[in-house]
Amino acid sequence: MQFKDDPGSASSDLQAEQNHNQNPPSDQQVRTSRATMVEAVSHKLTSLFTAIIGNVELAFMALGEENLATPNLHAIKKATYTAQGWNAKLLSLMEECRREVEGPA
């Protein structure tokens, strides 16, 4: 049995949707939410790039410098470092945007 104010009831879901439609999030809330999402993606990318570089280094150790795959491994490593740089710039820009929205600490 569900009651009118039960958080899992259909009427409370409908009420929450009606409240959201009557009181949409402010621009600041939307921007803060987007900043948080971009920041989370950026941190995931950082982890991915670190794993790629680690695996390239392991491949270098396993194959040696004279292997035919070495030029490709160097290209992968260079591209990953480039992507890390872009990701760092994105994160820096995101921090600037967050400070603009939230104001000084």
N, C-alpha and C. Protein backbone atom coordinates (compact mmCIF):
# COMPACT_ATOMS: atom_id res chain seq x y z
N MET A 1 0.84 -1.18 0.00
CA MET A 1 0.00 0.00 0.00
C MET A 1 0.89 1.24 0.00
N GLN A 2 0.60 2.16 -0.92
CA GLN A 2 1.36 3.40 -0.98
C GLN A 2 0.47 4.57 -0.58
N PHE A 3 1.05 5.49 0.12
CA PHE A 3 0.32 6.67 0.56
C PHE A 3 0.65 7.84 -0.35
N LYS A 4 -0.14 8.87 -0.25
CA LYS A 4 0.00 10.03 -1.12
C LYS A 4 1.40 10.64 -1.06
N ASP A 5 1.99 10.73 0.12
CA ASP A 5 3.30 11.38 0.28
C ASP A 5 4.46 10.41 0.22
N ASP A 6 4.19 9.14 -0.08
CA ASP A 6 5.24 8.13 -0.17
C ASP A 6 6.18 8.49 -1.31
N PRO A 7 7.52 8.56 -1.06
CA PRO A 7 8.47 8.97 -2.09
C PRO A 7 8.42 8.09 -3.34
N GLY A 8 7.99 6.85 -3.21
CA GLY A 8 7.97 5.96 -4.37
C GLY A 8 6.63 5.93 -5.09
N SER A 9 5.67 6.71 -4.64
CA SER A 9 4.34 6.65 -5.23
C SER A 9 4.29 7.44 -6.53
N ALA A 10 3.35 7.05 -7.38
CA ALA A 10 3.17 7.72 -8.66
C ALA A 10 2.76 9.17 -8.45
N SER A 11 1.94 9.43 -7.43
CA SER A 11 1.49 10.81 -7.20
C SER A 11 2.65 11.71 -6.79
N SER A 12 3.62 11.16 -6.00
CA SER A 12 4.77 11.99 -5.62
C SER A 12 5.67 12.24 -6.82
N ASP A 13 5.77 11.25 -7.75
CA ASP A 13 6.55 11.45 -8.97
C ASP A 13 5.91 12.53 -9.83
N LEU A 14 4.59 12.49 -9.94
CA LEU A 14 3.87 13.49 -10.72
C LEU A 14 4.04 14.87 -10.08
N GLN A 15 3.96 14.92 -8.76
CA GLN A 15 4.12 16.19 -8.05
C GLN A 15 5.52 16.75 -8.27
N ALA A 16 6.52 15.89 -8.23
CA ALA A 16 7.90 16.33 -8.45
C ALA A 16 8.06 16.89 -9.86
N GLU A 17 7.46 16.23 -10.84
CA GLU A 17 7.54 16.71 -12.23
C GLU A 17 6.82 18.05 -12.37
N GLN A 18 5.67 18.19 -11.74
CA GLN A 18 4.94 19.46 -11.80
C GLN A 18 5.73 20.57 -11.14
N ASN A 19 6.36 20.28 -10.01
CA ASN A 19 7.20 21.28 -9.34
C ASN A 19 8.37 21.69 -10.22
N HIS A 20 8.97 20.70 -10.91
CA HIS A 20 10.10 20.99 -11.79
C HIS A 20 9.64 21.88 -12.95
N ASN A 21 8.47 21.59 -13.50
CA ASN A 21 7.96 22.39 -14.62
C ASN A 21 7.60 23.80 -14.17
N GLN A 22 7.11 23.96 -12.95
CA GLN A 22 6.75 25.28 -12.43
C GLN A 22 7.98 26.06 -12.00
N ASN A 23 9.00 25.35 -11.51
CA ASN A 23 10.23 25.98 -11.03
C ASN A 23 11.43 25.37 -11.73
N PRO A 24 11.63 25.72 -13.02
CA PRO A 24 12.77 25.12 -13.72
C PRO A 24 14.08 25.55 -13.08
N PRO A 25 15.14 24.77 -13.26
CA PRO A 25 16.43 25.14 -12.66
C PRO A 25 16.93 26.47 -13.23
N SER A 26 17.61 27.22 -12.41
CA SER A 26 18.16 28.50 -12.84
C SER A 26 19.34 28.27 -13.78
N ASP A 27 19.73 29.33 -14.48
CA ASP A 27 20.90 29.25 -15.36
C ASP A 27 22.12 28.82 -14.58
N GLN A 28 22.27 29.35 -13.37
CA GLN A 28 23.42 29.01 -12.55
C GLN A 28 23.41 27.53 -12.20
N GLN A 29 22.25 26.98 -11.86
CA GLN A 29 22.16 25.55 -11.54
C GLN A 29 22.50 24.70 -12.76
N VAL A 30 22.01 25.11 -13.92
CA VAL A 30 22.29 24.36 -15.15
C VAL A 30 23.78 24.40 -15.46
N ARG A 31 24.38 25.59 -15.36
CA ARG A 31 25.81 25.72 -15.65
C ARG A 31 26.66 24.93 -14.66
N THR A 32 26.29 24.98 -13.40
CA THR A 32 27.03 24.22 -12.39
C THR A 32 26.91 22.72 -12.65
N SER A 33 25.73 22.29 -13.03
CA SER A 33 25.52 20.88 -13.35
C SER A 33 26.36 20.45 -14.55
N ARG A 34 26.37 21.27 -15.58
CA ARG A 34 27.18 20.96 -16.77
C ARG A 34 28.66 20.96 -16.43
N ALA A 35 29.09 21.91 -15.62
CA ALA A 35 30.50 21.97 -15.22
C ALA A 35 30.89 20.71 -14.47
N THR A 36 30.03 20.24 -13.60
CA THR A 36 30.30 19.02 -12.85
C THR A 36 30.40 17.82 -13.78
N MET A 37 29.51 17.76 -14.77
CA MET A 37 29.53 16.65 -15.72
C MET A 37 30.81 16.67 -16.56
N VAL A 38 31.18 17.83 -17.06
CA VAL A 38 32.40 17.94 -17.87
C VAL A 38 33.62 17.60 -17.04
N GLU A 39 33.63 18.03 -15.80
CA GLU A 39 34.75 17.72 -14.91
C GLU A 39 34.87 16.21 -14.69
N ALA A 40 33.75 15.53 -14.51
CA ALA A 40 33.76 14.09 -14.32
C ALA A 40 34.28 13.38 -15.57
N VAL A 41 33.83 13.81 -16.74
CA VAL A 41 34.30 13.21 -17.99
C VAL A 41 35.80 13.45 -18.15
N SER A 42 36.24 14.64 -17.82
CA SER A 42 37.65 14.97 -17.93
C SER A 42 38.51 14.06 -17.05
N HIS A 43 38.05 13.80 -15.84
CA HIS A 43 38.80 12.92 -14.95
C HIS A 43 38.82 11.48 -15.48
N LYS A 44 37.73 11.04 -16.08
CA LYS A 44 37.69 9.71 -16.68
C LYS A 44 38.68 9.63 -17.85
N LEU A 45 38.73 10.69 -18.64
CA LEU A 45 39.68 10.72 -19.76
C LEU A 45 41.12 10.68 -19.26
N THR A 46 41.39 11.39 -18.17
CA THR A 46 42.74 11.37 -17.60
C THR A 46 43.13 9.94 -17.23
N SER A 47 42.22 9.21 -16.63
CA SER A 47 42.49 7.81 -16.27
C SER A 47 42.74 6.97 -17.52
N LEU A 48 41.93 7.20 -18.54
CA LEU A 48 42.10 6.45 -19.79
C LEU A 48 43.45 6.74 -20.43
N PHE A 49 43.83 8.01 -20.49
CA PHE A 49 45.12 8.38 -21.09
C PHE A 49 46.28 7.78 -20.31
N THR A 50 46.18 7.77 -19.01
CA THR A 50 47.23 7.18 -18.17
C THR A 50 47.35 5.68 -18.47
N ALA A 51 46.24 5.00 -18.62
CA ALA A 51 46.27 3.57 -18.93
C ALA A 51 46.88 3.32 -20.31
N ILE A 52 46.54 4.16 -21.28
CA ILE A 52 47.10 3.99 -22.63
C ILE A 52 48.62 4.15 -22.59
N ILE A 53 49.10 5.20 -21.94
CA ILE A 53 50.54 5.43 -21.89
C ILE A 53 51.23 4.29 -21.15
N GLY A 54 50.63 3.82 -20.07
CA GLY A 54 51.21 2.68 -19.35
C GLY A 54 51.30 1.44 -20.21
N ASN A 55 50.26 1.17 -20.99
CA ASN A 55 50.27 0.00 -21.86
C ASN A 55 51.27 0.15 -23.00
N VAL A 56 51.43 1.36 -23.51
CA VAL A 56 52.45 1.60 -24.55
C VAL A 56 53.84 1.34 -23.97
N GLU A 57 54.08 1.81 -22.77
CA GLU A 57 55.39 1.57 -22.13
C GLU A 57 55.63 0.08 -21.92
N LEU A 58 54.60 -0.66 -21.51
CA LEU A 58 54.73 -2.11 -21.36
C LEU A 58 55.03 -2.77 -22.70
N ALA A 59 54.39 -2.29 -23.75
CA ALA A 59 54.65 -2.83 -25.09
C ALA A 59 56.09 -2.56 -25.52
N PHE A 60 56.59 -1.36 -25.23
CA PHE A 60 57.99 -1.05 -25.52
C PHE A 60 58.92 -2.04 -24.82
N MET A 61 58.65 -2.31 -23.55
CA MET A 61 59.51 -3.23 -22.79
C MET A 61 59.42 -4.65 -23.35
N ALA A 62 58.24 -5.07 -23.74
CA ALA A 62 58.05 -6.43 -24.23
C ALA A 62 58.61 -6.62 -25.64
N LEU A 63 58.46 -5.60 -26.50
CA LEU A 63 58.84 -5.75 -27.90
C LEU A 63 60.25 -5.26 -28.20
N GLY A 64 60.72 -4.30 -27.45
CA GLY A 64 62.03 -3.72 -27.72
C GLY A 64 61.94 -2.63 -28.78
N GLU A 65 63.00 -1.88 -28.88
CA GLU A 65 63.03 -0.73 -29.79
C GLU A 65 63.15 -1.12 -31.26
N GLU A 66 63.60 -2.33 -31.54
CA GLU A 66 63.84 -2.75 -32.93
C GLU A 66 62.60 -3.36 -33.59
N ASN A 67 61.51 -3.45 -32.88
CA ASN A 67 60.30 -4.07 -33.41
C ASN A 67 59.64 -3.16 -34.44
N LEU A 68 58.94 -3.78 -35.40
CA LEU A 68 58.25 -3.01 -36.43
C LEU A 68 57.11 -2.16 -35.88
N ALA A 69 56.59 -2.52 -34.73
CA ALA A 69 55.48 -1.77 -34.13
C ALA A 69 55.95 -0.50 -33.41
N THR A 70 57.25 -0.36 -33.21
CA THR A 70 57.77 0.76 -32.44
C THR A 70 57.32 2.13 -32.97
N PRO A 71 57.37 2.38 -34.30
CA PRO A 71 56.90 3.70 -34.77
C PRO A 71 55.43 3.96 -34.43
N ASN A 72 54.62 2.90 -34.53
CA ASN A 72 53.20 3.07 -34.19
C ASN A 72 53.02 3.34 -32.69
N LEU A 73 53.81 2.67 -31.87
CA LEU A 73 53.73 2.90 -30.44
C LEU A 73 54.14 4.33 -30.09
N HIS A 74 55.18 4.83 -30.77
CA HIS A 74 55.58 6.23 -30.54
C HIS A 74 54.46 7.18 -30.97
N ALA A 75 53.79 6.88 -32.08
CA ALA A 75 52.69 7.73 -32.55
C ALA A 75 51.52 7.71 -31.55
N ILE A 76 51.22 6.53 -31.01
CA ILE A 76 50.15 6.41 -30.01
C ILE A 76 50.50 7.23 -28.77
N LYS A 77 51.73 7.10 -28.34
CA LYS A 77 52.17 7.82 -27.14
C LYS A 77 52.11 9.33 -27.35
N LYS A 78 52.57 9.79 -28.52
CA LYS A 78 52.55 11.22 -28.83
C LYS A 78 51.11 11.73 -28.89
N ALA A 79 50.22 10.99 -29.55
CA ALA A 79 48.82 11.40 -29.65
C ALA A 79 48.15 11.45 -28.27
N THR A 80 48.51 10.49 -27.42
CA THR A 80 47.92 10.46 -26.09
C THR A 80 48.39 11.65 -25.25
N TYR A 81 49.67 11.98 -25.36
CA TYR A 81 50.16 13.16 -24.63
C TYR A 81 49.49 14.44 -25.15
N THR A 82 49.26 14.51 -26.45
CA THR A 82 48.55 15.66 -27.02
C THR A 82 47.12 15.74 -26.47
N ALA A 83 46.45 14.60 -26.44
CA ALA A 83 45.09 14.56 -25.91
C ALA A 83 45.07 14.91 -24.42
N GLN A 84 46.09 14.48 -23.68
CA GLN A 84 46.18 14.85 -22.26
C GLN A 84 46.29 16.37 -22.11
N GLY A 85 47.05 16.99 -22.99
CA GLY A 85 47.19 18.45 -22.95
C GLY A 85 45.86 19.14 -23.21
N TRP A 86 45.12 18.66 -24.21
CA TRP A 86 43.81 19.24 -24.49
C TRP A 86 42.87 19.05 -23.31
N ASN A 87 42.93 17.87 -22.72
CA ASN A 87 42.08 17.57 -21.58
C ASN A 87 42.41 18.49 -20.40
N ALA A 88 43.69 18.74 -20.18
CA ALA A 88 44.10 19.64 -19.10
C ALA A 88 43.59 21.06 -19.36
N LYS A 89 43.64 21.50 -20.62
CA LYS A 89 43.12 22.83 -20.97
C LYS A 89 41.62 22.88 -20.75
N LEU A 90 40.92 21.81 -21.12
CA LEU A 90 39.49 21.74 -20.90
C LEU A 90 39.16 21.83 -19.41
N LEU A 91 39.90 21.11 -18.60
CA LEU A 91 39.67 21.13 -17.16
C LEU A 91 39.94 22.52 -16.58
N SER A 92 40.99 23.16 -17.07
CA SER A 92 41.32 24.51 -16.62
C SER A 92 40.21 25.49 -17.00
N LEU A 93 39.73 25.39 -18.23
CA LEU A 93 38.64 26.25 -18.68
C LEU A 93 37.38 26.00 -17.86
N MET A 94 37.13 24.75 -17.54
CA MET A 94 35.97 24.41 -16.75
C MET A 94 36.06 25.03 -15.36
N GLU A 95 37.24 25.02 -14.77
CA GLU A 95 37.43 25.65 -13.46
C GLU A 95 37.18 27.15 -13.53
N GLU A 96 37.63 27.80 -14.61
CA GLU A 96 37.38 29.22 -14.78
C GLU A 96 35.88 29.49 -14.88
N CYS A 97 35.18 28.67 -15.65
CA CYS A 97 33.73 28.83 -15.79
C CYS A 97 33.03 28.61 -14.46
N ARG A 98 33.48 27.61 -13.72
CA ARG A 98 32.86 27.33 -12.42
C ARG A 98 33.03 28.52 -11.47
N ARG A 99 34.24 29.12 -11.47
CA ARG A 99 34.48 30.29 -10.62
C ARG A 99 33.60 31.47 -11.03
N GLU A 100 33.37 31.64 -12.34
CA GLU A 100 32.51 32.72 -12.81
C GLU A 100 31.08 32.52 -12.34
N VAL A 101 30.61 31.28 -12.38
CA VAL A 101 29.23 30.98 -12.01
C VAL A 101 29.05 31.04 -10.49
N GLU A 102 29.97 30.42 -9.76
CA GLU A 102 29.82 30.31 -8.31
C GLU A 102 30.37 31.51 -7.56
N GLY A 103 31.20 32.28 -8.19
CA GLY A 103 31.79 33.44 -7.53
C GLY A 103 33.02 33.03 -6.75
N PRO A 104 33.73 34.00 -6.17
CA PRO A 104 34.96 33.69 -5.41
C PRO A 104 34.64 32.88 -4.16
N ALA A 105 35.60 32.03 -3.81
CA ALA A 105 35.41 31.16 -2.63
C ALA A 105 35.57 31.93 -1.35
